[in-house]
N, C-alpha and C. Protein backbone atom coordinates (compact mmCIF):
# COMPACT_ATOMS: atom_id res chain seq x y z
N MET A 1 8.49 11.20 19.40
CA MET A 1 9.17 12.49 19.26
C MET A 1 8.26 13.57 18.69
N LEU A 2 7.38 13.18 17.77
CA LEU A 2 6.49 14.14 17.14
C LEU A 2 5.14 14.21 17.82
N ASP A 3 4.91 13.40 18.86
CA ASP A 3 3.63 13.39 19.55
C ASP A 3 3.40 14.72 20.25
N PHE A 4 2.14 15.19 20.25
CA PHE A 4 1.80 16.40 20.99
C PHE A 4 0.33 16.34 21.40
N ASN A 5 0.00 17.12 22.41
CA ASN A 5 -1.36 17.15 22.94
C ASN A 5 -2.17 18.24 22.26
N LEU A 6 -3.40 17.88 21.86
CA LEU A 6 -4.35 18.83 21.32
C LEU A 6 -5.59 18.75 22.21
N GLY A 7 -5.62 19.62 23.23
CA GLY A 7 -6.68 19.52 24.22
C GLY A 7 -6.51 18.23 25.00
N PRO A 8 -7.58 17.43 25.11
CA PRO A 8 -7.49 16.17 25.86
C PRO A 8 -6.91 15.02 25.04
N PHE A 9 -6.65 15.26 23.75
CA PHE A 9 -6.20 14.19 22.87
C PHE A 9 -4.69 14.24 22.64
N LEU A 10 -4.13 13.05 22.55
CA LEU A 10 -2.71 12.93 22.19
C LEU A 10 -2.62 12.64 20.70
N ILE A 11 -2.07 13.58 19.95
CA ILE A 11 -1.90 13.40 18.51
C ILE A 11 -0.58 12.68 18.28
N GLN A 12 -0.68 11.48 17.76
CA GLN A 12 0.51 10.67 17.57
C GLN A 12 1.33 11.16 16.38
N GLY A 13 2.63 11.08 16.53
CA GLY A 13 3.52 11.51 15.45
C GLY A 13 3.36 10.68 14.19
N SER A 14 2.85 9.45 14.36
CA SER A 14 2.65 8.59 13.19
C SER A 14 1.65 9.19 12.21
N TYR A 15 0.67 9.96 12.74
CA TYR A 15 -0.30 10.61 11.85
C TYR A 15 0.37 11.71 11.03
N ILE A 16 1.30 12.43 11.66
CA ILE A 16 2.03 13.47 10.94
C ILE A 16 2.90 12.85 9.85
N ILE A 17 3.57 11.76 10.19
CA ILE A 17 4.41 11.06 9.22
C ILE A 17 3.57 10.52 8.07
N LEU A 18 2.39 9.98 8.40
CA LEU A 18 1.49 9.46 7.38
C LEU A 18 1.04 10.58 6.44
N SER A 19 0.75 11.76 7.00
CA SER A 19 0.33 12.89 6.18
C SER A 19 1.44 13.32 5.22
N ILE A 20 2.67 13.37 5.73
CA ILE A 20 3.81 13.73 4.88
C ILE A 20 4.00 12.69 3.77
N SER A 21 3.87 11.42 4.13
CA SER A 21 4.03 10.34 3.15
C SER A 21 2.93 10.40 2.10
N LEU A 22 1.71 10.73 2.53
CA LEU A 22 0.59 10.84 1.58
C LEU A 22 0.83 11.98 0.60
N ILE A 23 1.30 13.12 1.11
CA ILE A 23 1.60 14.25 0.23
C ILE A 23 2.69 13.87 -0.78
N LEU A 24 3.71 13.17 -0.31
CA LEU A 24 4.78 12.73 -1.21
C LEU A 24 4.24 11.78 -2.28
N SER A 25 3.35 10.86 -1.89
CA SER A 25 2.79 9.91 -2.86
C SER A 25 1.93 10.64 -3.89
N VAL A 26 1.21 11.68 -3.46
CA VAL A 26 0.38 12.45 -4.39
C VAL A 26 1.27 13.18 -5.40
N LEU A 27 2.34 13.80 -4.92
CA LEU A 27 3.26 14.52 -5.81
C LEU A 27 3.94 13.58 -6.80
N MET A 28 4.36 12.42 -6.31
CA MET A 28 5.01 11.44 -7.18
C MET A 28 4.03 10.87 -8.20
N THR A 29 2.79 10.64 -7.77
CA THR A 29 1.78 10.12 -8.70
C THR A 29 1.44 11.15 -9.76
N TYR A 30 1.37 12.42 -9.35
CA TYR A 30 1.13 13.50 -10.32
C TYR A 30 2.25 13.53 -11.36
N SER A 31 3.49 13.38 -10.91
CA SER A 31 4.63 13.34 -11.83
C SER A 31 4.53 12.15 -12.78
N LEU A 32 4.09 11.01 -12.24
CA LEU A 32 3.93 9.81 -13.06
C LEU A 32 2.88 10.03 -14.14
N LEU A 33 1.73 10.58 -13.76
CA LEU A 33 0.65 10.81 -14.71
C LEU A 33 1.05 11.83 -15.77
N THR A 34 1.81 12.84 -15.35
CA THR A 34 2.29 13.86 -16.29
C THR A 34 3.30 13.25 -17.26
N HIS A 35 4.19 12.41 -16.72
CA HIS A 35 5.22 11.77 -17.54
C HIS A 35 4.61 10.91 -18.64
N TYR A 36 3.52 10.22 -18.32
CA TYR A 36 2.87 9.33 -19.29
C TYR A 36 1.69 9.99 -20.01
N LYS A 37 1.51 11.31 -19.76
CA LYS A 37 0.46 12.08 -20.44
C LYS A 37 -0.92 11.45 -20.24
N ILE A 38 -1.22 11.13 -18.98
CA ILE A 38 -2.52 10.55 -18.63
C ILE A 38 -3.50 11.65 -18.29
N ASN A 39 -4.71 11.56 -18.84
CA ASN A 39 -5.76 12.53 -18.52
C ASN A 39 -6.39 12.20 -17.16
N HIS A 40 -7.30 13.06 -16.74
CA HIS A 40 -8.03 12.87 -15.48
C HIS A 40 -7.08 12.83 -14.28
N LYS A 41 -6.01 13.63 -14.32
CA LYS A 41 -5.06 13.62 -13.20
C LYS A 41 -5.74 13.97 -11.89
N LYS A 42 -6.55 15.02 -11.91
CA LYS A 42 -7.18 15.49 -10.67
C LYS A 42 -8.07 14.41 -10.07
N MET A 43 -8.82 13.73 -10.92
CA MET A 43 -9.72 12.70 -10.41
C MET A 43 -8.95 11.50 -9.86
N ILE A 44 -7.90 11.10 -10.56
CA ILE A 44 -7.10 9.96 -10.10
C ILE A 44 -6.47 10.27 -8.74
N LEU A 45 -5.93 11.47 -8.59
CA LEU A 45 -5.31 11.85 -7.32
C LEU A 45 -6.35 11.95 -6.21
N ASN A 46 -7.52 12.50 -6.55
CA ASN A 46 -8.60 12.60 -5.56
C ASN A 46 -9.04 11.23 -5.08
N GLU A 47 -9.18 10.30 -6.02
CA GLU A 47 -9.58 8.93 -5.65
C GLU A 47 -8.50 8.25 -4.83
N TRP A 48 -7.23 8.56 -5.10
CA TRP A 48 -6.15 7.96 -4.32
C TRP A 48 -6.19 8.43 -2.87
N VAL A 49 -6.39 9.74 -2.68
CA VAL A 49 -6.47 10.28 -1.31
C VAL A 49 -7.66 9.66 -0.58
N GLN A 50 -8.80 9.54 -1.27
CA GLN A 50 -9.97 8.91 -0.65
C GLN A 50 -9.70 7.45 -0.31
N SER A 51 -8.93 6.78 -1.16
CA SER A 51 -8.60 5.37 -0.90
C SER A 51 -7.77 5.23 0.38
N VAL A 52 -6.80 6.13 0.55
CA VAL A 52 -5.97 6.09 1.76
C VAL A 52 -6.82 6.33 3.00
N LEU A 53 -7.73 7.31 2.91
CA LEU A 53 -8.62 7.57 4.05
C LEU A 53 -9.50 6.36 4.34
N MET A 54 -9.96 5.70 3.28
CA MET A 54 -10.79 4.50 3.45
C MET A 54 -10.00 3.39 4.15
N ILE A 55 -8.75 3.21 3.73
CA ILE A 55 -7.90 2.19 4.36
C ILE A 55 -7.72 2.48 5.85
N ILE A 56 -7.46 3.75 6.17
CA ILE A 56 -7.25 4.13 7.57
C ILE A 56 -8.51 3.90 8.40
N ILE A 57 -9.66 4.29 7.85
CA ILE A 57 -10.93 4.13 8.57
C ILE A 57 -11.21 2.65 8.85
N ILE A 58 -11.08 1.83 7.82
CA ILE A 58 -11.33 0.39 7.99
C ILE A 58 -10.30 -0.22 8.93
N TRP A 59 -9.05 0.19 8.76
CA TRP A 59 -7.96 -0.31 9.62
C TRP A 59 -8.21 0.01 11.08
N LYS A 60 -8.67 1.23 11.33
CA LYS A 60 -8.94 1.66 12.71
C LYS A 60 -10.19 0.98 13.27
N PHE A 61 -11.30 1.05 12.53
CA PHE A 61 -12.56 0.54 13.06
C PHE A 61 -12.60 -0.98 13.12
N SER A 62 -11.72 -1.65 12.40
CA SER A 62 -11.68 -3.11 12.49
C SER A 62 -11.20 -3.56 13.87
N TYR A 63 -10.68 -2.62 14.65
CA TYR A 63 -10.30 -2.93 16.04
C TYR A 63 -11.51 -3.40 16.83
N ILE A 64 -12.68 -2.84 16.50
CA ILE A 64 -13.91 -3.20 17.20
C ILE A 64 -14.27 -4.66 16.94
N LEU A 65 -13.93 -5.17 15.75
CA LEU A 65 -14.26 -6.55 15.42
C LEU A 65 -13.51 -7.54 16.31
N THR A 66 -12.27 -7.20 16.66
CA THR A 66 -11.47 -8.10 17.49
C THR A 66 -11.54 -7.74 18.97
N HIS A 67 -11.96 -6.50 19.28
CA HIS A 67 -12.09 -6.07 20.67
C HIS A 67 -13.42 -5.32 20.84
N PRO A 68 -14.55 -6.00 20.62
CA PRO A 68 -15.86 -5.32 20.64
C PRO A 68 -16.19 -4.66 21.97
N ILE A 69 -15.91 -5.33 23.08
CA ILE A 69 -16.27 -4.79 24.39
C ILE A 69 -15.47 -3.53 24.69
N GLU A 70 -14.13 -3.61 24.47
CA GLU A 70 -13.28 -2.45 24.73
C GLU A 70 -13.65 -1.28 23.83
N GLY A 71 -13.98 -1.58 22.56
CA GLY A 71 -14.32 -0.54 21.62
C GLY A 71 -15.61 0.17 21.97
N ILE A 72 -16.59 -0.57 22.48
CA ILE A 72 -17.87 0.02 22.86
C ILE A 72 -17.73 0.81 24.16
N GLN A 73 -17.01 0.26 25.11
CA GLN A 73 -16.84 0.92 26.40
C GLN A 73 -16.03 2.21 26.29
N ASP A 74 -15.04 2.20 25.41
CA ASP A 74 -14.17 3.38 25.27
C ASP A 74 -13.86 3.62 23.80
N PRO A 75 -14.76 4.31 23.07
CA PRO A 75 -14.56 4.55 21.63
C PRO A 75 -13.26 5.30 21.31
N LEU A 76 -12.76 6.08 22.28
CA LEU A 76 -11.54 6.84 22.04
C LEU A 76 -10.32 5.94 21.86
N ARG A 77 -10.47 4.66 22.20
CA ARG A 77 -9.37 3.72 21.99
C ARG A 77 -9.02 3.60 20.51
N LEU A 78 -10.00 3.93 19.63
CA LEU A 78 -9.76 3.85 18.19
C LEU A 78 -8.68 4.83 17.74
N ILE A 79 -8.45 5.88 18.55
CA ILE A 79 -7.42 6.84 18.19
C ILE A 79 -6.03 6.22 18.33
N TYR A 80 -5.90 5.33 19.31
CA TYR A 80 -4.59 4.80 19.65
C TYR A 80 -4.37 3.35 19.22
N PHE A 81 -5.47 2.63 18.89
CA PHE A 81 -5.34 1.23 18.52
C PHE A 81 -5.91 1.01 17.12
N ASP A 82 -5.61 -0.16 16.54
CA ASP A 82 -6.09 -0.47 15.20
C ASP A 82 -6.36 -1.96 15.07
N GLY A 83 -6.80 -2.36 13.88
CA GLY A 83 -7.16 -3.76 13.65
C GLY A 83 -6.02 -4.64 13.20
N GLY A 84 -4.79 -4.10 13.20
CA GLY A 84 -3.64 -4.91 12.84
C GLY A 84 -3.61 -5.28 11.37
N ALA A 85 -2.94 -6.38 11.06
CA ALA A 85 -2.76 -6.81 9.67
C ALA A 85 -4.08 -7.11 8.99
N VAL A 86 -5.03 -7.70 9.73
CA VAL A 86 -6.33 -8.04 9.14
C VAL A 86 -7.04 -6.79 8.66
N GLY A 87 -7.11 -5.78 9.53
CA GLY A 87 -7.77 -4.54 9.16
C GLY A 87 -7.08 -3.85 8.00
N TRP A 88 -5.75 -3.91 7.99
CA TRP A 88 -4.99 -3.26 6.92
C TRP A 88 -5.26 -3.92 5.58
N ILE A 89 -5.25 -5.24 5.54
CA ILE A 89 -5.48 -5.98 4.29
C ILE A 89 -6.90 -5.76 3.78
N VAL A 90 -7.89 -5.85 4.68
CA VAL A 90 -9.28 -5.62 4.29
C VAL A 90 -9.44 -4.20 3.76
N GLY A 91 -8.79 -3.24 4.42
CA GLY A 91 -8.87 -1.86 3.97
C GLY A 91 -8.32 -1.66 2.58
N VAL A 92 -7.18 -2.27 2.28
CA VAL A 92 -6.56 -2.15 0.96
C VAL A 92 -7.46 -2.76 -0.11
N VAL A 93 -8.02 -3.93 0.17
CA VAL A 93 -8.88 -4.61 -0.81
C VAL A 93 -10.12 -3.78 -1.11
N VAL A 94 -10.80 -3.30 -0.06
CA VAL A 94 -12.01 -2.50 -0.24
C VAL A 94 -11.68 -1.19 -0.96
N ALA A 95 -10.60 -0.54 -0.56
CA ALA A 95 -10.22 0.73 -1.18
C ALA A 95 -9.90 0.55 -2.66
N PHE A 96 -9.21 -0.53 -3.02
CA PHE A 96 -8.88 -0.76 -4.43
C PHE A 96 -10.13 -1.01 -5.26
N ILE A 97 -11.08 -1.77 -4.71
CA ILE A 97 -12.33 -2.04 -5.43
C ILE A 97 -13.07 -0.73 -5.72
N LEU A 98 -13.18 0.13 -4.73
CA LEU A 98 -13.86 1.41 -4.91
C LEU A 98 -13.07 2.33 -5.83
N TYR A 99 -11.76 2.31 -5.73
CA TYR A 99 -10.88 3.12 -6.58
C TYR A 99 -11.05 2.73 -8.04
N LYS A 100 -11.02 1.43 -8.29
CA LYS A 100 -11.15 0.94 -9.66
C LYS A 100 -12.54 1.20 -10.22
N LYS A 101 -13.56 1.04 -9.39
CA LYS A 101 -14.94 1.26 -9.83
C LYS A 101 -15.15 2.72 -10.23
N ALA A 102 -14.62 3.64 -9.43
CA ALA A 102 -14.80 5.07 -9.71
C ALA A 102 -14.08 5.49 -10.99
N LEU A 103 -12.86 5.01 -11.19
CA LEU A 103 -12.07 5.42 -12.35
C LEU A 103 -12.49 4.71 -13.63
N THR A 104 -13.03 3.51 -13.50
CA THR A 104 -13.51 2.78 -14.68
C THR A 104 -14.65 3.54 -15.35
N LYS A 105 -15.45 4.24 -14.55
CA LYS A 105 -16.57 5.03 -15.10
C LYS A 105 -16.08 6.15 -16.01
N GLN A 106 -14.81 6.55 -15.84
CA GLN A 106 -14.24 7.61 -16.67
C GLN A 106 -13.51 7.06 -17.90
N SER A 107 -13.71 5.77 -18.16
CA SER A 107 -13.11 5.09 -19.32
C SER A 107 -11.57 5.09 -19.26
N ILE A 108 -11.03 5.11 -18.05
CA ILE A 108 -9.58 5.00 -17.88
C ILE A 108 -9.21 3.53 -18.00
N PRO A 109 -8.18 3.18 -18.78
CA PRO A 109 -7.80 1.77 -18.96
C PRO A 109 -7.56 1.06 -17.64
N SER A 110 -8.00 -0.19 -17.57
CA SER A 110 -7.87 -0.98 -16.34
C SER A 110 -6.43 -1.10 -15.89
N GLU A 111 -5.51 -1.30 -16.86
CA GLU A 111 -4.10 -1.45 -16.52
C GLU A 111 -3.55 -0.19 -15.85
N CYS A 112 -3.97 0.96 -16.37
CA CYS A 112 -3.52 2.24 -15.82
C CYS A 112 -4.05 2.42 -14.39
N ILE A 113 -5.28 2.01 -14.17
CA ILE A 113 -5.91 2.15 -12.85
C ILE A 113 -5.14 1.36 -11.80
N GLN A 114 -4.92 0.09 -12.08
CA GLN A 114 -4.26 -0.74 -11.06
C GLN A 114 -2.79 -0.38 -10.89
N ASN A 115 -2.15 0.05 -11.98
CA ASN A 115 -0.73 0.40 -11.87
C ASN A 115 -0.51 1.70 -11.10
N THR A 116 -1.41 2.68 -11.27
CA THR A 116 -1.28 3.91 -10.49
C THR A 116 -1.54 3.63 -9.01
N PHE A 117 -2.46 2.72 -8.73
CA PHE A 117 -2.74 2.35 -7.33
C PHE A 117 -1.52 1.69 -6.70
N ILE A 118 -0.91 0.78 -7.45
CA ILE A 118 0.29 0.08 -6.94
C ILE A 118 1.43 1.07 -6.74
N PHE A 119 1.66 1.93 -7.74
CA PHE A 119 2.75 2.91 -7.65
C PHE A 119 2.56 3.83 -6.45
N SER A 120 1.37 4.38 -6.30
CA SER A 120 1.09 5.30 -5.19
C SER A 120 1.25 4.59 -3.86
N GLY A 121 0.79 3.34 -3.80
CA GLY A 121 0.90 2.56 -2.57
C GLY A 121 2.34 2.28 -2.19
N LEU A 122 3.18 1.98 -3.18
CA LEU A 122 4.60 1.73 -2.91
C LEU A 122 5.28 2.97 -2.35
N VAL A 123 4.99 4.13 -2.95
CA VAL A 123 5.59 5.38 -2.47
C VAL A 123 5.11 5.68 -1.05
N LEU A 124 3.81 5.56 -0.83
CA LEU A 124 3.24 5.86 0.49
C LEU A 124 3.82 4.95 1.57
N TYR A 125 3.78 3.65 1.33
CA TYR A 125 4.26 2.69 2.33
C TYR A 125 5.76 2.81 2.56
N GLY A 126 6.51 2.92 1.46
CA GLY A 126 7.96 3.02 1.57
C GLY A 126 8.40 4.28 2.31
N ALA A 127 7.79 5.41 1.94
CA ALA A 127 8.14 6.68 2.59
C ALA A 127 7.77 6.65 4.07
N TYR A 128 6.59 6.12 4.38
CA TYR A 128 6.17 6.03 5.78
C TYR A 128 7.13 5.16 6.59
N GLN A 129 7.51 4.04 6.02
CA GLN A 129 8.41 3.11 6.71
C GLN A 129 9.76 3.76 7.00
N VAL A 130 10.29 4.46 6.01
CA VAL A 130 11.60 5.11 6.18
C VAL A 130 11.52 6.23 7.22
N LEU A 131 10.54 7.12 7.07
CA LEU A 131 10.43 8.27 7.97
C LEU A 131 10.13 7.85 9.40
N TYR A 132 9.18 6.94 9.56
CA TYR A 132 8.80 6.50 10.91
C TYR A 132 9.98 5.85 11.63
N THR A 133 10.67 4.96 10.93
CA THR A 133 11.80 4.25 11.55
C THR A 133 12.96 5.19 11.82
N TRP A 134 13.22 6.09 10.89
CA TRP A 134 14.32 7.04 11.05
C TRP A 134 14.10 7.95 12.26
N ILE A 135 12.85 8.37 12.48
CA ILE A 135 12.54 9.28 13.58
C ILE A 135 12.45 8.56 14.92
N TYR A 136 11.87 7.36 14.92
CA TYR A 136 11.56 6.71 16.19
C TYR A 136 12.56 5.64 16.64
N SER A 137 13.19 4.94 15.72
CA SER A 137 14.04 3.84 16.19
C SER A 137 15.38 3.71 15.48
N LEU A 138 15.47 4.22 14.26
CA LEU A 138 16.69 4.10 13.45
C LEU A 138 17.12 2.64 13.32
N TYR A 139 16.14 1.77 13.09
CA TYR A 139 16.42 0.35 12.89
C TYR A 139 16.63 0.13 11.40
N TRP A 140 17.86 -0.18 11.00
CA TRP A 140 18.23 -0.13 9.59
C TRP A 140 17.54 -1.19 8.74
N VAL A 141 17.12 -2.29 9.33
CA VAL A 141 16.40 -3.30 8.56
C VAL A 141 15.07 -2.73 8.07
N GLU A 142 14.38 -1.99 8.95
CA GLU A 142 13.10 -1.40 8.58
C GLU A 142 13.29 -0.28 7.55
N ILE A 143 14.34 0.51 7.74
CA ILE A 143 14.64 1.57 6.77
C ILE A 143 14.96 0.96 5.41
N GLY A 144 15.74 -0.12 5.42
CA GLY A 144 16.06 -0.81 4.17
C GLY A 144 14.83 -1.34 3.49
N GLY A 145 13.88 -1.86 4.28
CA GLY A 145 12.63 -2.35 3.70
C GLY A 145 11.84 -1.24 3.04
N GLY A 146 11.79 -0.07 3.70
CA GLY A 146 11.09 1.07 3.11
C GLY A 146 11.75 1.54 1.84
N LEU A 147 13.08 1.61 1.85
CA LEU A 147 13.82 2.02 0.65
C LEU A 147 13.62 1.04 -0.49
N TYR A 148 13.45 -0.23 -0.15
CA TYR A 148 13.21 -1.26 -1.17
C TYR A 148 11.93 -0.96 -1.94
N PHE A 149 10.86 -0.62 -1.21
CA PHE A 149 9.58 -0.35 -1.87
C PHE A 149 9.61 0.97 -2.65
N VAL A 150 10.32 1.96 -2.12
CA VAL A 150 10.46 3.22 -2.85
C VAL A 150 11.25 2.99 -4.13
N THR A 151 12.30 2.16 -4.05
CA THR A 151 13.10 1.82 -5.23
C THR A 151 12.25 1.12 -6.29
N LEU A 152 11.37 0.22 -5.85
CA LEU A 152 10.46 -0.44 -6.79
C LEU A 152 9.59 0.59 -7.51
N ALA A 153 9.11 1.57 -6.75
CA ALA A 153 8.27 2.61 -7.34
C ALA A 153 9.05 3.42 -8.37
N ILE A 154 10.29 3.78 -8.04
CA ILE A 154 11.12 4.55 -8.97
C ILE A 154 11.41 3.74 -10.23
N PHE A 155 11.73 2.46 -10.05
CA PHE A 155 11.96 1.59 -11.21
C PHE A 155 10.71 1.53 -12.09
N PHE A 156 9.56 1.42 -11.44
CA PHE A 156 8.30 1.35 -12.16
C PHE A 156 8.06 2.65 -12.94
N PHE A 157 8.45 3.78 -12.34
CA PHE A 157 8.26 5.09 -12.96
C PHE A 157 8.95 5.16 -14.31
N PHE A 158 10.18 4.63 -14.37
CA PHE A 158 10.98 4.75 -15.59
C PHE A 158 10.92 3.51 -16.49
N SER A 159 10.04 2.58 -16.17
CA SER A 159 9.98 1.34 -16.95
C SER A 159 9.13 1.47 -18.20
N ASN A 160 8.39 2.59 -18.32
CA ASN A 160 7.51 2.81 -19.48
C ASN A 160 6.48 1.69 -19.65
N ARG A 161 5.96 1.21 -18.53
CA ARG A 161 4.97 0.13 -18.59
C ARG A 161 3.72 0.45 -17.78
N LEU A 162 3.36 1.72 -17.72
CA LEU A 162 2.21 2.11 -16.92
C LEU A 162 0.93 1.45 -17.42
N LYS A 163 0.84 1.25 -18.73
CA LYS A 163 -0.38 0.68 -19.30
C LYS A 163 -0.26 -0.81 -19.57
N SER A 164 0.71 -1.45 -18.94
CA SER A 164 0.92 -2.88 -19.13
C SER A 164 0.34 -3.66 -17.96
N TYR A 165 -0.56 -4.60 -18.28
CA TYR A 165 -1.16 -5.45 -17.24
C TYR A 165 -0.11 -6.36 -16.63
N LYS A 166 0.81 -6.82 -17.45
CA LYS A 166 1.82 -7.75 -16.97
C LYS A 166 2.77 -7.08 -15.98
N SER A 167 3.00 -5.80 -16.15
CA SER A 167 3.90 -5.11 -15.22
C SER A 167 3.33 -5.11 -13.81
N SER A 168 2.00 -5.10 -13.69
CA SER A 168 1.38 -5.17 -12.36
C SER A 168 1.73 -6.48 -11.68
N ILE A 169 1.72 -7.55 -12.46
CA ILE A 169 2.04 -8.88 -11.92
C ILE A 169 3.49 -8.95 -11.49
N ARG A 170 4.38 -8.42 -12.34
CA ARG A 170 5.81 -8.47 -12.02
C ARG A 170 6.13 -7.63 -10.77
N ILE A 171 5.56 -6.44 -10.69
CA ILE A 171 5.78 -5.60 -9.51
C ILE A 171 5.21 -6.29 -8.28
N GLY A 172 4.04 -6.92 -8.45
CA GLY A 172 3.44 -7.65 -7.33
C GLY A 172 4.34 -8.75 -6.82
N GLN A 173 5.02 -9.45 -7.73
CA GLN A 173 5.96 -10.51 -7.34
C GLN A 173 7.11 -9.94 -6.52
N TRP A 174 7.63 -8.80 -6.94
CA TRP A 174 8.73 -8.17 -6.21
C TRP A 174 8.28 -7.65 -4.85
N VAL A 175 7.04 -7.18 -4.78
CA VAL A 175 6.50 -6.72 -3.49
C VAL A 175 6.41 -7.88 -2.51
N VAL A 176 5.86 -9.01 -2.98
CA VAL A 176 5.74 -10.20 -2.12
C VAL A 176 7.12 -10.68 -1.69
N ALA A 177 8.06 -10.70 -2.64
CA ALA A 177 9.43 -11.14 -2.32
C ALA A 177 10.06 -10.23 -1.27
N GLY A 178 9.83 -8.93 -1.41
CA GLY A 178 10.37 -7.98 -0.43
C GLY A 178 9.73 -8.14 0.94
N TRP A 179 8.42 -8.41 0.94
CA TRP A 179 7.70 -8.59 2.20
C TRP A 179 8.23 -9.81 2.96
N ILE A 180 8.35 -10.93 2.24
CA ILE A 180 8.83 -12.16 2.87
C ILE A 180 10.30 -12.02 3.27
N GLY A 181 11.10 -11.42 2.38
CA GLY A 181 12.52 -11.22 2.67
C GLY A 181 12.72 -10.35 3.91
N HIS A 182 11.89 -9.33 4.04
CA HIS A 182 11.97 -8.46 5.22
C HIS A 182 11.72 -9.25 6.50
N ASP A 183 10.70 -10.13 6.48
CA ASP A 183 10.40 -10.93 7.67
C ASP A 183 11.53 -11.91 7.99
N ILE A 184 12.15 -12.45 6.94
CA ILE A 184 13.27 -13.38 7.16
C ILE A 184 14.45 -12.66 7.80
N ILE A 185 14.82 -11.52 7.25
CA ILE A 185 15.95 -10.75 7.78
C ILE A 185 15.65 -10.25 9.19
N ASN A 186 14.39 -9.88 9.39
CA ASN A 186 13.98 -9.33 10.69
C ASN A 186 13.80 -10.41 11.75
N GLY A 187 13.83 -11.68 11.31
CA GLY A 187 13.67 -12.78 12.25
C GLY A 187 12.27 -12.93 12.78
N SER A 188 11.27 -12.46 12.01
CA SER A 188 9.88 -12.52 12.47
C SER A 188 9.07 -13.58 11.73
N ILE A 189 9.76 -14.59 11.18
CA ILE A 189 9.08 -15.67 10.49
C ILE A 189 8.56 -16.69 11.51
N HIS A 190 7.26 -16.97 11.43
CA HIS A 190 6.64 -17.97 12.29
C HIS A 190 5.72 -18.83 11.44
N MET A 191 5.76 -20.13 11.63
CA MET A 191 4.98 -21.04 10.80
C MET A 191 3.48 -20.88 11.01
N ASN A 192 3.08 -20.33 12.15
CA ASN A 192 1.65 -20.12 12.41
C ASN A 192 1.20 -18.70 12.05
N ASP A 193 2.06 -17.98 11.36
CA ASP A 193 1.72 -16.62 10.94
C ASP A 193 0.94 -16.69 9.63
N TRP A 194 -0.37 -16.39 9.69
CA TRP A 194 -1.21 -16.55 8.50
C TRP A 194 -0.87 -15.52 7.43
N THR A 195 -0.31 -14.35 7.83
CA THR A 195 0.07 -13.36 6.82
C THR A 195 1.24 -13.85 5.98
N LEU A 196 2.12 -14.65 6.60
CA LEU A 196 3.23 -15.24 5.85
C LEU A 196 2.71 -16.21 4.80
N TRP A 197 1.81 -17.10 5.21
CA TRP A 197 1.23 -18.05 4.27
C TRP A 197 0.40 -17.34 3.20
N GLY A 198 -0.26 -16.27 3.61
CA GLY A 198 -1.02 -15.49 2.63
C GLY A 198 -0.11 -14.89 1.58
N ALA A 199 1.07 -14.39 2.01
CA ALA A 199 2.04 -13.83 1.07
C ALA A 199 2.56 -14.89 0.12
N PHE A 200 2.83 -16.10 0.64
CA PHE A 200 3.28 -17.20 -0.21
C PHE A 200 2.21 -17.55 -1.25
N LEU A 201 0.96 -17.60 -0.83
CA LEU A 201 -0.13 -17.95 -1.75
C LEU A 201 -0.30 -16.88 -2.83
N ILE A 202 -0.20 -15.62 -2.43
CA ILE A 202 -0.30 -14.53 -3.40
C ILE A 202 0.85 -14.61 -4.40
N GLY A 203 2.06 -14.85 -3.88
CA GLY A 203 3.22 -14.98 -4.76
C GLY A 203 3.07 -16.14 -5.73
N LEU A 204 2.56 -17.27 -5.25
CA LEU A 204 2.35 -18.44 -6.10
C LEU A 204 1.31 -18.14 -7.17
N PHE A 205 0.24 -17.46 -6.76
CA PHE A 205 -0.82 -17.09 -7.72
C PHE A 205 -0.27 -16.18 -8.81
N LEU A 206 0.55 -15.20 -8.43
CA LEU A 206 1.12 -14.28 -9.40
C LEU A 206 2.08 -14.99 -10.35
N LEU A 207 2.85 -15.95 -9.84
CA LEU A 207 3.75 -16.72 -10.70
C LEU A 207 2.97 -17.53 -11.73
N ILE A 208 1.89 -18.17 -11.29
CA ILE A 208 1.06 -18.96 -12.21
C ILE A 208 0.42 -18.05 -13.25
N LEU A 209 -0.08 -16.90 -12.81
CA LEU A 209 -0.70 -15.96 -13.73
C LEU A 209 0.31 -15.44 -14.74
N ASP A 210 1.51 -15.14 -14.28
CA ASP A 210 2.58 -14.68 -15.16
C ASP A 210 2.93 -15.75 -16.19
N PHE A 211 3.02 -17.00 -15.74
CA PHE A 211 3.34 -18.12 -16.63
C PHE A 211 2.26 -18.29 -17.70
N ARG A 212 1.00 -18.18 -17.29
CA ARG A 212 -0.10 -18.35 -18.25
C ARG A 212 -0.11 -17.23 -19.28
N LEU A 213 0.22 -16.02 -18.85
CA LEU A 213 0.27 -14.91 -19.80
C LEU A 213 1.40 -15.10 -20.80
N ASP A 214 2.54 -15.62 -20.32
CA ASP A 214 3.66 -15.91 -21.22
C ASP A 214 3.29 -16.98 -22.24
N LYS A 215 2.61 -18.02 -21.77
CA LYS A 215 2.18 -19.09 -22.68
C LYS A 215 1.18 -18.57 -23.69
N GLY A 216 0.29 -17.69 -23.23
CA GLY A 216 -0.69 -17.12 -24.14
C GLY A 216 -0.04 -16.26 -25.21
N SER A 217 1.01 -15.52 -24.82
CA SER A 217 1.74 -14.69 -25.78
C SER A 217 2.46 -15.55 -26.82
N GLU A 218 3.02 -16.68 -26.37
CA GLU A 218 3.71 -17.58 -27.29
C GLU A 218 2.72 -18.20 -28.28
N ASN A 219 1.54 -18.55 -27.80
CA ASN A 219 0.55 -19.17 -28.68
C ASN A 219 0.01 -18.19 -29.71
N ASN A 220 -0.04 -16.90 -29.32
CA ASN A 220 -0.56 -15.89 -30.24
C ASN A 220 0.50 -15.38 -31.20
N ALA A 221 1.76 -15.73 -30.92
CA ALA A 221 2.87 -15.25 -31.78
C ALA A 221 2.87 -15.98 -33.12
C-alpha cells in the first residue's frame, strides 16, 4: 500500500514503516534517558540509530552469503531481498558489540548500555510489527505479538530498573517466551527450525544465569 516508484527503483513501504518505527524508538529512548536522568543522551541516541543501520546493512548484505551468484549477477536484488533470520541475528549481535564498545568509552555503566539497547529494540520491533501488519494484512496474531513487545518496553520504562543487570535477564526471558509463544499460536513451530532451538537455548541460558545470580545474592546476604 505504501510502495512507490522513485525513478527505476521501487521503494517498499516496509522502509517507510521502519523509518517511522525508528523515530518512535528514538523518542521513547530519549524519554527513558530523561526519566532516569542519564547523561550522554545525544551520544546514546546516535549510537542506537547507527546500530539499526548496521543491522539493516548486515541483514541485507548477508543475502549474498546464501545467494552469492544471484547477488553478484544482480546487486539490485539487495533492495528487495535479505538474509533472513540468520542475517538479522548476526546483525543484532554485531550492532550490540559496537554499541556497547562505543558507549563504554564514555564511562556509561554496562547495565545502562545493555538495558537501553534492549528497550530501544523492543520499541522498534514492536512498533514495526504492529504498523506493518495493520497496514498490509491486519493479521491479529502478528499485531498482538507486536503489542506484546511494546508492552514489555512500557513495563520496563516504569520498573525503575534501568541500571539493574538482572532486569536485562528478566526482560530477556520474557522476550524469548513471547517469541516462542508467538510461533506456537501462529502454528509455525517446526522441529527442524534452528531458530526455535536457538530461542530455547537462550531461554535456558538466561534461566541458569538468573538462578546463579539469585544464589549469589543469598550467599552475600
